[in-house]
Amino acid sequence: VAKYTEQLVPSTRIVAVDGVAPTISETAAFIAPSANVVGNVTLGPNSSVWYGATLRGDVNSITVGTNSSIGDRAIVHVAKIQGDHPTAIGDNVTVGPGATVHA
């Protein structure tokens, strides 16, 4: 049985913006090779980001709590409006495949 290895460039998975890099828990469950975690994003323990999902914390912060899952192709991004309005995804939350969370 041949072992399958994804041929994607893993360096594009976790990207700093303006000197702010994502904070990934040492016990994060999984970040797919085709996922993008960009900028001011905090990923909690036992949480996962699945294939094609994007968390874009370029103009404000995103926090994903413990035991949460960001589904395939889901997008979580923030808006820059008056004041500080980060996006917070709590503990034990599932963001479904293809969902868009925009705050």
C-alpha atoms as a PDB file:
ATOM      1  CA  VAL A   1       0.000   0.000   0.000  1.00  0.00           C
ATOM      2  CA  ALA A   2       1.464   3.335  -1.057  1.00  0.00           C
ATOM      3  CA  LYS A   3       1.486   6.175   1.445  1.00  0.00           C
ATOM      4  CA  TYR A   4      -0.160   9.373   0.216  1.00  0.00           C
ATOM      5  CA  THR A   5       1.606  12.670   0.885  1.00  0.00           C
ATOM      6  CA  GLU A   6      -0.011  16.010   0.036  1.00  0.00           C
ATOM      7  CA  GLN A   7       2.148  18.112  -2.256  1.00  0.00           C
ATOM      8  CA  LEU A   8       0.935  21.530  -1.079  1.00  0.00           C
ATOM      9  CA  VAL A   9       3.290  24.175   0.262  1.00  0.00           C
ATOM     10  CA  PRO A  10       2.666  24.097   4.024  1.00  0.00           C
ATOM     11  CA  SER A  11       4.363  27.465   4.560  1.00  0.00           C
ATOM     12  CA  THR A  12       1.246  29.229   3.247  1.00  0.00           C
ATOM     13  CA  ARG A  13      -0.973  27.770   5.980  1.00  0.00           C
ATOM     14  CA  ILE A  14       0.040  30.130   8.781  1.00  0.00           C
ATOM     15  CA  VAL A  15       0.824  33.691   7.668  1.00  0.00           C
ATOM     16  CA  ALA A  16       1.753  36.850   9.588  1.00  0.00           C
ATOM     17  CA  VAL A  17       0.252  40.212   8.578  1.00  0.00           C
ATOM     18  CA  ASP A  18       1.976  43.468   9.548  1.00  0.00           C
ATOM     19  CA  GLY A  19       4.190  41.551  11.964  1.00  0.00           C
ATOM     20  CA  VAL A  20       1.272  39.809  13.716  1.00  0.00           C
ATOM     21  CA  ALA A  21       1.378  36.028  13.399  1.00  0.00           C
ATOM     22  CA  PRO A  22      -1.374  33.597  14.384  1.00  0.00           C
ATOM     23  CA  THR A  23      -1.182  32.006  17.835  1.00  0.00           C
ATOM     24  CA  ILE A  24      -1.787  28.286  17.553  1.00  0.00           C
ATOM     25  CA  SER A  25      -2.226  26.166  20.676  1.00  0.00           C
ATOM     26  CA  GLU A  26       0.431  23.493  21.048  1.00  0.00           C
ATOM     27  CA  THR A  27      -2.440  21.026  21.382  1.00  0.00           C
ATOM     28  CA  ALA A  28      -4.423  22.212  18.359  1.00  0.00           C
ATOM     29  CA  ALA A  29      -6.029  19.131  16.844  1.00  0.00           C
ATOM     30  CA  PHE A  30      -5.462  19.770  13.146  1.00  0.00           C
ATOM     31  CA  ILE A  31      -4.770  22.431  10.536  1.00  0.00           C
ATOM     32  CA  ALA A  32      -5.270  21.086   7.017  1.00  0.00           C
ATOM     33  CA  PRO A  33      -2.477  21.630   4.486  1.00  0.00           C
ATOM     34  CA  SER A  34      -4.831  23.682   2.294  1.00  0.00           C
ATOM     35  CA  ALA A  35      -6.202  25.825   5.156  1.00  0.00           C
ATOM     36  CA  ASN A  36      -5.146  29.457   5.646  1.00  0.00           C
ATOM     37  CA  VAL A  37      -4.747  31.037   9.076  1.00  0.00           C
ATOM     38  CA  VAL A  38      -3.744  34.659   8.536  1.00  0.00           C
ATOM     39  CA  GLY A  39      -2.854  37.513  10.883  1.00  0.00           C
ATOM     40  CA  ASN A  40      -4.269  38.105  14.355  1.00  0.00           C
ATOM     41  CA  VAL A  41      -5.861  34.684  14.924  1.00  0.00           C
ATOM     42  CA  THR A  42      -5.788  32.598  18.106  1.00  0.00           C
ATOM     43  CA  LEU A  43      -6.638  28.899  17.769  1.00  0.00           C
ATOM     44  CA  GLY A  44      -7.465  27.143  21.047  1.00  0.00           C
ATOM     45  CA  PRO A  45      -6.607  23.656  22.298  1.00  0.00           C
ATOM     46  CA  ASN A  46      -8.061  20.665  20.441  1.00  0.00           C
ATOM     47  CA  SER A  47      -9.520  22.903  17.734  1.00  0.00           C
ATOM     48  CA  SER A  48      -9.211  22.256  14.015  1.00  0.00           C
ATOM     49  CA  VAL A  49      -9.242  24.097  10.698  1.00  0.00           C
ATOM     50  CA  TRP A  50     -10.240  21.852   7.797  1.00  0.00           C
ATOM     51  CA  TYR A  51      -9.465  21.725   4.076  1.00  0.00           C
ATOM     52  CA  GLY A  52      -9.803  24.985   2.161  1.00  0.00           C
ATOM     53  CA  ALA A  53     -10.933  26.933   5.243  1.00  0.00           C
ATOM     54  CA  THR A  54      -9.684  30.487   5.796  1.00  0.00           C
ATOM     55  CA  LEU A  55      -9.406  32.470   9.024  1.00  0.00           C
ATOM     56  CA  ARG A  56      -8.425  36.015   8.056  1.00  0.00           C
ATOM     57  CA  GLY A  57      -7.495  38.237  10.982  1.00  0.00           C
ATOM     58  CA  ASP A  58      -5.933  41.011   8.938  1.00  0.00           C
ATOM     59  CA  VAL A  59      -7.880  44.060  10.203  1.00  0.00           C
ATOM     60  CA  ASN A  60      -9.063  42.743  13.578  1.00  0.00           C
ATOM     61  CA  SER A  61      -8.650  39.637  15.721  1.00  0.00           C
ATOM     62  CA  ILE A  62     -10.271  36.206  15.554  1.00  0.00           C
ATOM     63  CA  THR A  63     -10.350  33.840  18.524  1.00  0.00           C
ATOM     64  CA  VAL A  64     -11.386  30.195  18.192  1.00  0.00           C
ATOM     65  CA  GLY A  65     -12.041  28.476  21.527  1.00  0.00           C
ATOM     66  CA  THR A  66     -11.313  24.993  22.820  1.00  0.00           C
ATOM     67  CA  ASN A  67     -12.637  21.908  20.963  1.00  0.00           C
ATOM     68  CA  SER A  68     -14.013  23.958  18.062  1.00  0.00           C
ATOM     69  CA  SER A  69     -13.965  23.051  14.384  1.00  0.00           C
ATOM     70  CA  ILE A  70     -13.841  25.270  11.297  1.00  0.00           C
ATOM     71  CA  GLY A  71     -15.268  23.142   8.477  1.00  0.00           C
ATOM     72  CA  ASP A  72     -14.087  22.571   4.913  1.00  0.00           C
ATOM     73  CA  ARG A  73     -14.120  25.766   2.789  1.00  0.00           C
ATOM     74  CA  ALA A  74     -15.506  27.863   5.677  1.00  0.00           C
ATOM     75  CA  ILE A  75     -14.431  31.507   5.844  1.00  0.00           C
ATOM     76  CA  VAL A  76     -14.064  33.522   9.028  1.00  0.00           C
ATOM     77  CA  HIS A  77     -13.080  37.153   8.570  1.00  0.00           C
ATOM     78  CA  VAL A  78     -13.461  40.472  10.294  1.00  0.00           C
ATOM     79  CA  ALA A  79     -14.474  43.980   9.306  1.00  0.00           C
ATOM     80  CA  LYS A  80     -12.718  47.189  10.207  1.00  0.00           C
ATOM     81  CA  ILE A  81     -15.403  49.522  11.453  1.00  0.00           C
ATOM     82  CA  GLN A  82     -15.479  52.172  14.157  1.00  0.00           C
ATOM     83  CA  GLY A  83     -14.226  50.720  17.401  1.00  0.00           C
ATOM     84  CA  ASP A  84     -12.717  47.368  18.183  1.00  0.00           C
ATOM     85  CA  HIS A  85     -14.985  44.511  17.105  1.00  0.00           C
ATOM     86  CA  PRO A  86     -13.108  41.191  17.097  1.00  0.00           C
ATOM     87  CA  THR A  87     -14.662  37.879  16.088  1.00  0.00           C
ATOM     88  CA  ALA A  88     -14.949  35.292  18.856  1.00  0.00           C
ATOM     89  CA  ILE A  89     -15.902  31.681  18.197  1.00  0.00           C
ATOM     90  CA  GLY A  90     -16.491  29.970  21.537  1.00  0.00           C
ATOM     91  CA  ASP A  91     -15.685  26.566  22.957  1.00  0.00           C
ATOM     92  CA  ASN A  92     -17.233  23.403  21.451  1.00  0.00           C
ATOM     93  CA  VAL A  93     -18.453  25.223  18.318  1.00  0.00           C
ATOM     94  CA  THR A  94     -18.715  23.764  14.825  1.00  0.00           C
ATOM     95  CA  VAL A  95     -18.624  26.191  11.899  1.00  0.00           C
ATOM     96  CA  GLY A  96     -20.108  24.114   9.104  1.00  0.00           C
ATOM     97  CA  PRO A  97     -18.526  23.375   5.736  1.00  0.00           C
ATOM     98  CA  GLY A  98     -18.830  26.307   3.338  1.00  0.00           C
ATOM     99  CA  ALA A  99     -20.102  28.693   6.035  1.00  0.00           C
ATOM    100  CA  THR A 100     -19.134  32.368   6.116  1.00  0.00           C
ATOM    101  CA  VAL A 101     -18.702  34.141   9.446  1.00  0.00           C
ATOM    102  CA  HIS A 102     -18.222  37.883   8.902  1.00  0.00           C
ATOM    103  CA  ALA A 103     -18.136  40.270  11.827  1.00  0.00           C
END
